[in-house]
Amino acid sequence: MSDNTFEGGARVGYSHDGGKWELALFGRNITDEENVKGGIDFNNFTGFDNDPRILGLSFTARMH
């Protein structure tokens, strides 16, 4: 685990027809950093961390 708490994200998209539809690629935690987000102490310290790298594609259609 790294001491660095940086988690990069990005989104790139294309919109067409006056914004009626959009296609986009996105990434969350693109550096795949593992960071402890918090913890609970019930006589044994339990921690929870961030989500792993997530990559995806989104499509949005708007009716207007």
PDB file of N, CA and C in Angstrom:
ATOM      1  N   MET A   1       0.839  -1.177   0.000  1.00  0.00           N
ATOM      2  CA  MET A   1       0.000   0.000   0.000  1.00  0.00           C
ATOM      3  C   MET A   1       0.882   1.237   0.000  1.00  0.00           C
ATOM      4  N   SER A   2       0.475   2.220  -0.739  1.00  0.00           N
ATOM      5  CA  SER A   2       1.243   3.446  -0.875  1.00  0.00           C
ATOM      6  C   SER A   2       0.782   4.496   0.137  1.00  0.00           C
ATOM      7  N   ASP A   3       1.702   5.371   0.562  1.00  0.00           N
ATOM      8  CA  ASP A   3       1.335   6.487   1.423  1.00  0.00           C
ATOM      9  C   ASP A   3       0.695   7.624   0.631  1.00  0.00           C
ATOM     10  N   ASN A   4       0.805   7.565  -0.688  1.00  0.00           N
ATOM     11  CA  ASN A   4       0.232   8.569  -1.568  1.00  0.00           C
ATOM     12  C   ASN A   4      -1.281   8.361  -1.652  1.00  0.00           C
ATOM     13  N   THR A   5      -2.075   9.400  -1.431  1.00  0.00           N
ATOM     14  CA  THR A   5      -3.526   9.257  -1.467  1.00  0.00           C
ATOM     15  C   THR A   5      -4.137   9.779  -2.757  1.00  0.00           C
ATOM     16  N   PHE A   6      -3.357   9.935  -3.805  1.00  0.00           N
ATOM     17  CA  PHE A   6      -3.852  10.416  -5.090  1.00  0.00           C
ATOM     18  C   PHE A   6      -4.636   9.310  -5.804  1.00  0.00           C
ATOM     19  N   GLU A   7      -5.822   9.654  -6.286  1.00  0.00           N
ATOM     20  CA  GLU A   7      -6.617   8.754  -7.117  1.00  0.00           C
ATOM     21  C   GLU A   7      -7.070   9.542  -8.335  1.00  0.00           C
ATOM     22  N   GLY A   8      -6.472   9.293  -9.476  1.00  0.00           N
ATOM     23  CA  GLY A   8      -6.816  10.047 -10.676  1.00  0.00           C
ATOM     24  C   GLY A   8      -8.071   9.518 -11.335  1.00  0.00           C
ATOM     25  N   GLY A   9      -8.780  10.415 -11.994  1.00  0.00           N
ATOM     26  CA  GLY A   9      -9.974  10.052 -12.742  1.00  0.00           C
ATOM     27  C   GLY A   9     -10.017  10.839 -14.038  1.00  0.00           C
ATOM     28  N   ALA A  10     -10.709  10.288 -15.024  1.00  0.00           N
ATOM     29  CA  ALA A  10     -10.806  10.962 -16.315  1.00  0.00           C
ATOM     30  C   ALA A  10     -12.107  10.566 -17.010  1.00  0.00           C
ATOM     31  N   ARG A  11     -12.595  11.485 -17.845  1.00  0.00           N
ATOM     32  CA  ARG A  11     -13.792  11.211 -18.648  1.00  0.00           C
ATOM     33  C   ARG A  11     -13.641  11.962 -19.955  1.00  0.00           C
ATOM     34  N   VAL A  12     -13.835  11.252 -21.057  1.00  0.00           N
ATOM     35  CA  VAL A  12     -13.758  11.843 -22.385  1.00  0.00           C
ATOM     36  C   VAL A  12     -15.007  11.402 -23.136  1.00  0.00           C
ATOM     37  N   GLY A  13     -15.709  12.372 -23.724  1.00  0.00           N
ATOM     38  CA  GLY A  13     -16.952  12.013 -24.392  1.00  0.00           C
ATOM     39  C   GLY A  13     -17.173  12.776 -25.678  1.00  0.00           C
ATOM     40  N   TYR A  14     -18.170  12.325 -26.417  1.00  0.00           N
ATOM     41  CA  TYR A  14     -18.580  12.960 -27.667  1.00  0.00           C
ATOM     42  C   TYR A  14     -20.093  13.122 -27.638  1.00  0.00           C
ATOM     43  N   SER A  15     -20.552  14.331 -27.897  1.00  0.00           N
ATOM     44  CA  SER A  15     -21.981  14.632 -27.927  1.00  0.00           C
ATOM     45  C   SER A  15     -22.360  15.005 -29.357  1.00  0.00           C
ATOM     46  N   HIS A  16     -23.556  14.601 -29.759  1.00  0.00           N
ATOM     47  CA  HIS A  16     -23.990  14.844 -31.141  1.00  0.00           C
ATOM     48  C   HIS A  16     -25.466  15.237 -31.155  1.00  0.00           C
ATOM     49  N   ASP A  17     -25.874  15.849 -32.235  1.00  0.00           N
ATOM     50  CA  ASP A  17     -27.269  16.214 -32.490  1.00  0.00           C
ATOM     51  C   ASP A  17     -27.816  17.141 -31.405  1.00  0.00           C
ATOM     52  N   GLY A  18     -27.056  18.189 -31.099  1.00  0.00           N
ATOM     53  CA  GLY A  18     -27.491  19.175 -30.119  1.00  0.00           C
ATOM     54  C   GLY A  18     -27.561  18.646 -28.700  1.00  0.00           C
ATOM     55  N   GLY A  19     -26.788  17.636 -28.389  1.00  0.00           N
ATOM     56  CA  GLY A  19     -26.777  17.068 -27.049  1.00  0.00           C
ATOM     57  C   GLY A  19     -27.824  15.982 -26.831  1.00  0.00           C
ATOM     58  N   LYS A  20     -28.471  15.513 -27.898  1.00  0.00           N
ATOM     59  CA  LYS A  20     -29.482  14.462 -27.744  1.00  0.00           C
ATOM     60  C   LYS A  20     -28.870  13.126 -27.338  1.00  0.00           C
ATOM     61  N   TRP A  21     -27.642  12.877 -27.747  1.00  0.00           N
ATOM     62  CA  TRP A  21     -26.969  11.659 -27.287  1.00  0.00           C
ATOM     63  C   TRP A  21     -25.502  11.930 -27.028  1.00  0.00           C
ATOM     64  N   GLU A  22     -24.935  11.119 -26.149  1.00  0.00           N
ATOM     65  CA  GLU A  22     -23.533  11.272 -25.757  1.00  0.00           C
ATOM     66  C   GLU A  22     -22.923   9.898 -25.502  1.00  0.00           C
ATOM     67  N   LEU A  23     -21.714   9.732 -25.962  1.00  0.00           N
ATOM     68  CA  LEU A  23     -20.945   8.513 -25.740  1.00  0.00           C
ATOM     69  C   LEU A  23     -19.650   8.925 -25.041  1.00  0.00           C
ATOM     70  N   ALA A  24     -19.315   8.267 -23.939  1.00  0.00           N
ATOM     71  CA  ALA A  24     -18.139   8.675 -23.166  1.00  0.00           C
ATOM     72  C   ALA A  24     -17.398   7.480 -22.598  1.00  0.00           C
ATOM     73  N   LEU A  25     -16.078   7.607 -22.525  1.00  0.00           N
ATOM     74  CA  LEU A  25     -15.210   6.664 -21.829  1.00  0.00           C
ATOM     75  C   LEU A  25     -14.830   7.305 -20.500  1.00  0.00           C
ATOM     76  N   PHE A  26     -14.776   6.507 -19.430  1.00  0.00           N
ATOM     77  CA  PHE A  26     -14.404   7.070 -18.147  1.00  0.00           C
ATOM     78  C   PHE A  26     -13.515   6.108 -17.376  1.00  0.00           C
ATOM     79  N   GLY A  27     -12.764   6.667 -16.448  1.00  0.00           N
ATOM     80  CA  GLY A  27     -11.923   5.869 -15.566  1.00  0.00           C
ATOM     81  C   GLY A  27     -11.908   6.483 -14.182  1.00  0.00           C
ATOM     82  N   ARG A  28     -11.980   5.631 -13.162  1.00  0.00           N
ATOM     83  CA  ARG A  28     -11.880   6.067 -11.769  1.00  0.00           C
ATOM     84  C   ARG A  28     -10.700   5.345 -11.144  1.00  0.00           C
ATOM     85  N   ASN A  29      -9.966   6.039 -10.318  1.00  0.00           N
ATOM     86  CA  ASN A  29      -8.755   5.503  -9.699  1.00  0.00           C
ATOM     87  C   ASN A  29      -7.840   4.893 -10.783  1.00  0.00           C
ATOM     88  N   ILE A  30      -7.593   5.668 -11.828  1.00  0.00           N
ATOM     89  CA  ILE A  30      -6.830   5.150 -12.968  1.00  0.00           C
ATOM     90  C   ILE A  30      -5.387   4.815 -12.619  1.00  0.00           C
ATOM     91  N   THR A  31      -4.889   5.337 -11.511  1.00  0.00           N
ATOM     92  CA  THR A  31      -3.535   4.993 -11.064  1.00  0.00           C
ATOM     93  C   THR A  31      -3.537   3.721 -10.220  1.00  0.00           C
ATOM     94  N   ASP A  32      -4.716   3.152  -9.959  1.00  0.00           N
ATOM     95  CA  ASP A  32      -4.901   1.923  -9.189  1.00  0.00           C
ATOM     96  C   ASP A  32      -4.243   1.994  -7.809  1.00  0.00           C
ATOM     97  N   GLU A  33      -4.376   3.168  -7.171  1.00  0.00           N
ATOM     98  CA  GLU A  33      -3.842   3.356  -5.820  1.00  0.00           C
ATOM     99  C   GLU A  33      -4.747   2.668  -4.796  1.00  0.00           C
ATOM    100  N   GLU A  34      -4.155   2.093  -3.766  1.00  0.00           N
ATOM    101  CA  GLU A  34      -4.910   1.513  -2.670  1.00  0.00           C
ATOM    102  C   GLU A  34      -4.739   2.417  -1.460  1.00  0.00           C
ATOM    103  N   ASN A  35      -5.834   3.015  -1.008  1.00  0.00           N
ATOM    104  CA  ASN A  35      -5.796   3.964   0.099  1.00  0.00           C
ATOM    105  C   ASN A  35      -6.784   3.541   1.174  1.00  0.00           C
ATOM    106  N   VAL A  36      -6.354   3.575   2.417  1.00  0.00           N
ATOM    107  CA  VAL A  36      -7.255   3.304   3.528  1.00  0.00           C
ATOM    108  C   VAL A  36      -8.157   4.517   3.704  1.00  0.00           C
ATOM    109  N   LYS A  37      -9.457   4.299   3.678  1.00  0.00           N
ATOM    110  CA  LYS A  37     -10.429   5.386   3.791  1.00  0.00           C
ATOM    111  C   LYS A  37     -10.920   5.577   5.217  1.00  0.00           C
ATOM    112  N   GLY A  38     -10.824   4.570   6.041  1.00  0.00           N
ATOM    113  CA  GLY A  38     -11.287   4.702   7.414  1.00  0.00           C
ATOM    114  C   GLY A  38     -11.105   3.400   8.170  1.00  0.00           C
ATOM    115  N   GLY A  39     -11.512   3.406   9.411  1.00  0.00           N
ATOM    116  CA  GLY A  39     -11.383   2.206  10.218  1.00  0.00           C
ATOM    117  C   GLY A  39     -12.261   2.259  11.448  1.00  0.00           C
ATOM    118  N   ILE A  40     -12.463   1.092  12.032  1.00  0.00           N
ATOM    119  CA  ILE A  40     -13.258   0.943  13.252  1.00  0.00           C
ATOM    120  C   ILE A  40     -12.446   0.070  14.195  1.00  0.00           C
ATOM    121  N   ASP A  41     -12.390   0.463  15.454  1.00  0.00           N
ATOM    122  CA  ASP A  41     -11.622  -0.305  16.434  1.00  0.00           C
ATOM    123  C   ASP A  41     -12.561  -1.017  17.409  1.00  0.00           C
ATOM    124  N   PHE A  42     -12.771  -2.310  17.200  1.00  0.00           N
ATOM    125  CA  PHE A  42     -13.536  -3.169  18.109  1.00  0.00           C
ATOM    126  C   PHE A  42     -12.580  -4.171  18.741  1.00  0.00           C
ATOM    127  N   ASN A  43     -11.523  -3.669  19.377  1.00  0.00           N
ATOM    128  CA  ASN A  43     -10.453  -4.476  19.965  1.00  0.00           C
ATOM    129  C   ASN A  43      -9.578  -5.148  18.908  1.00  0.00           C
ATOM    130  N   ASN A  44      -9.940  -5.049  17.658  1.00  0.00           N
ATOM    131  CA  ASN A  44      -9.069  -5.444  16.543  1.00  0.00           C
ATOM    132  C   ASN A  44      -9.324  -4.423  15.443  1.00  0.00           C
ATOM    133  N   PHE A  45      -8.330  -3.674  15.096  1.00  0.00           N
ATOM    134  CA  PHE A  45      -8.514  -2.572  14.155  1.00  0.00           C
ATOM    135  C   PHE A  45      -8.934  -3.106  12.791  1.00  0.00           C
ATOM    136  N   THR A  46     -10.103  -2.697  12.320  1.00  0.00           N
ATOM    137  CA  THR A  46     -10.638  -3.094  11.022  1.00  0.00           C
ATOM    138  C   THR A  46     -10.644  -1.868  10.127  1.00  0.00           C
ATOM    139  N   GLY A  47     -10.052  -1.969   8.955  1.00  0.00           N
ATOM    140  CA  GLY A  47     -10.001  -0.848   8.031  1.00  0.00           C
ATOM    141  C   GLY A  47     -10.747  -1.149   6.754  1.00  0.00           C
ATOM    142  N   PHE A  48     -11.118  -0.095   6.045  1.00  0.00           N
ATOM    143  CA  PHE A  48     -11.719  -0.265   4.732  1.00  0.00           C
ATOM    144  C   PHE A  48     -11.032   0.692   3.776  1.00  0.00           C
ATOM    145  N   ASP A  49     -10.894   0.229   2.544  1.00  0.00           N
ATOM    146  CA  ASP A  49     -10.141   1.017   1.560  1.00  0.00           C
ATOM    147  C   ASP A  49     -11.017   1.418   0.381  1.00  0.00           C
ATOM    148  N   ASN A  50     -10.394   2.102  -0.559  1.00  0.00           N
ATOM    149  CA  ASN A  50     -11.090   2.626  -1.734  1.00  0.00           C
ATOM    150  C   ASN A  50     -11.361   1.528  -2.761  1.00  0.00           C
ATOM    151  N   ASP A  51     -12.123   1.880  -3.790  1.00  0.00           N
ATOM    152  CA  ASP A  51     -12.407   0.955  -4.882  1.00  0.00           C
ATOM    153  C   ASP A  51     -11.173   0.778  -5.760  1.00  0.00           C
ATOM    154  N   PRO A  52     -11.047  -0.383  -6.417  1.00  0.00           N
ATOM    155  CA  PRO A  52      -9.937  -0.578  -7.357  1.00  0.00           C
ATOM    156  C   PRO A  52     -10.165   0.240  -8.632  1.00  0.00           C
ATOM    157  N   ARG A  53      -9.246   0.136  -9.574  1.00  0.00           N
ATOM    158  CA  ARG A  53      -9.383   0.834 -10.863  1.00  0.00           C
ATOM    159  C   ARG A  53     -10.682   0.404 -11.537  1.00  0.00           C
ATOM    160  N   ILE A  54     -11.423   1.384 -12.045  1.00  0.00           N
ATOM    161  CA  ILE A  54     -12.675   1.121 -12.752  1.00  0.00           C
ATOM    162  C   ILE A  54     -12.611   1.844 -14.091  1.00  0.00           C
ATOM    163  N   LEU A  55     -12.838   1.114 -15.173  1.00  0.00           N
ATOM    164  CA  LEU A  55     -12.886   1.677 -16.518  1.00  0.00           C
ATOM    165  C   LEU A  55     -14.247   1.358 -17.108  1.00  0.00           C
ATOM    166  N   GLY A  56     -14.811   2.282 -17.861  1.00  0.00           N
ATOM    167  CA  GLY A  56     -16.131   2.017 -18.405  1.00  0.00           C
ATOM    168  C   GLY A  56     -16.482   2.883 -19.599  1.00  0.00           C
ATOM    169  N   LEU A  57     -17.650   2.598 -20.117  1.00  0.00           N
ATOM    170  CA  LEU A  57     -18.206   3.289 -21.272  1.00  0.00           C
ATOM    171  C   LEU A  57     -19.640   3.652 -20.907  1.00  0.00           C
ATOM    172  N   SER A  58     -20.044   4.875 -21.199  1.00  0.00           N
ATOM    173  CA  SER A  58     -21.428   5.275 -20.921  1.00  0.00           C
ATOM    174  C   SER A  58     -22.068   5.847 -22.177  1.00  0.00           C
ATOM    175  N   PHE A  59     -23.352   5.610 -22.288  1.00  0.00           N
ATOM    176  CA  PHE A  59     -24.146   6.162 -23.386  1.00  0.00           C
ATOM    177  C   PHE A  59     -25.369   6.829 -22.776  1.00  0.00           C
ATOM    178  N   THR A  60     -25.630   8.071 -23.172  1.00  0.00           N
ATOM    179  CA  THR A  60     -26.778   8.808 -22.666  1.00  0.00           C
ATOM    180  C   THR A  60     -27.599   9.326 -23.838  1.00  0.00           C
ATOM    181  N   ALA A  61     -28.913   9.103 -23.780  1.00  0.00           N
ATOM    182  CA  ALA A  61     -29.836   9.629 -24.787  1.00  0.00           C
ATOM    183  C   ALA A  61     -30.824  10.541 -24.058  1.00  0.00           C
ATOM    184  N   ARG A  62     -31.032  11.730 -24.606  1.00  0.00           N
ATOM    185  CA  ARG A  62     -31.958  12.704 -24.003  1.00  0.00           C
ATOM    186  C   ARG A  62     -33.086  12.991 -24.980  1.00  0.00           C
ATOM    187  N   MET A  63     -34.281  12.974 -24.469  1.00  0.00           N
ATOM    188  CA  MET A  63     -35.456  13.310 -25.286  1.00  0.00           C
ATOM    189  C   MET A  63     -35.851  14.755 -24.974  1.00  0.00           C
ATOM    190  N   HIS A  64     -35.653  15.652 -25.933  1.00  0.00           N
ATOM    191  CA  HIS A  64     -36.091  17.039 -25.729  1.00  0.00           C
ATOM    192  C   HIS A  64     -36.465  17.681 -27.013  1.00  0.00           C
TER     193      HIS A  64
END
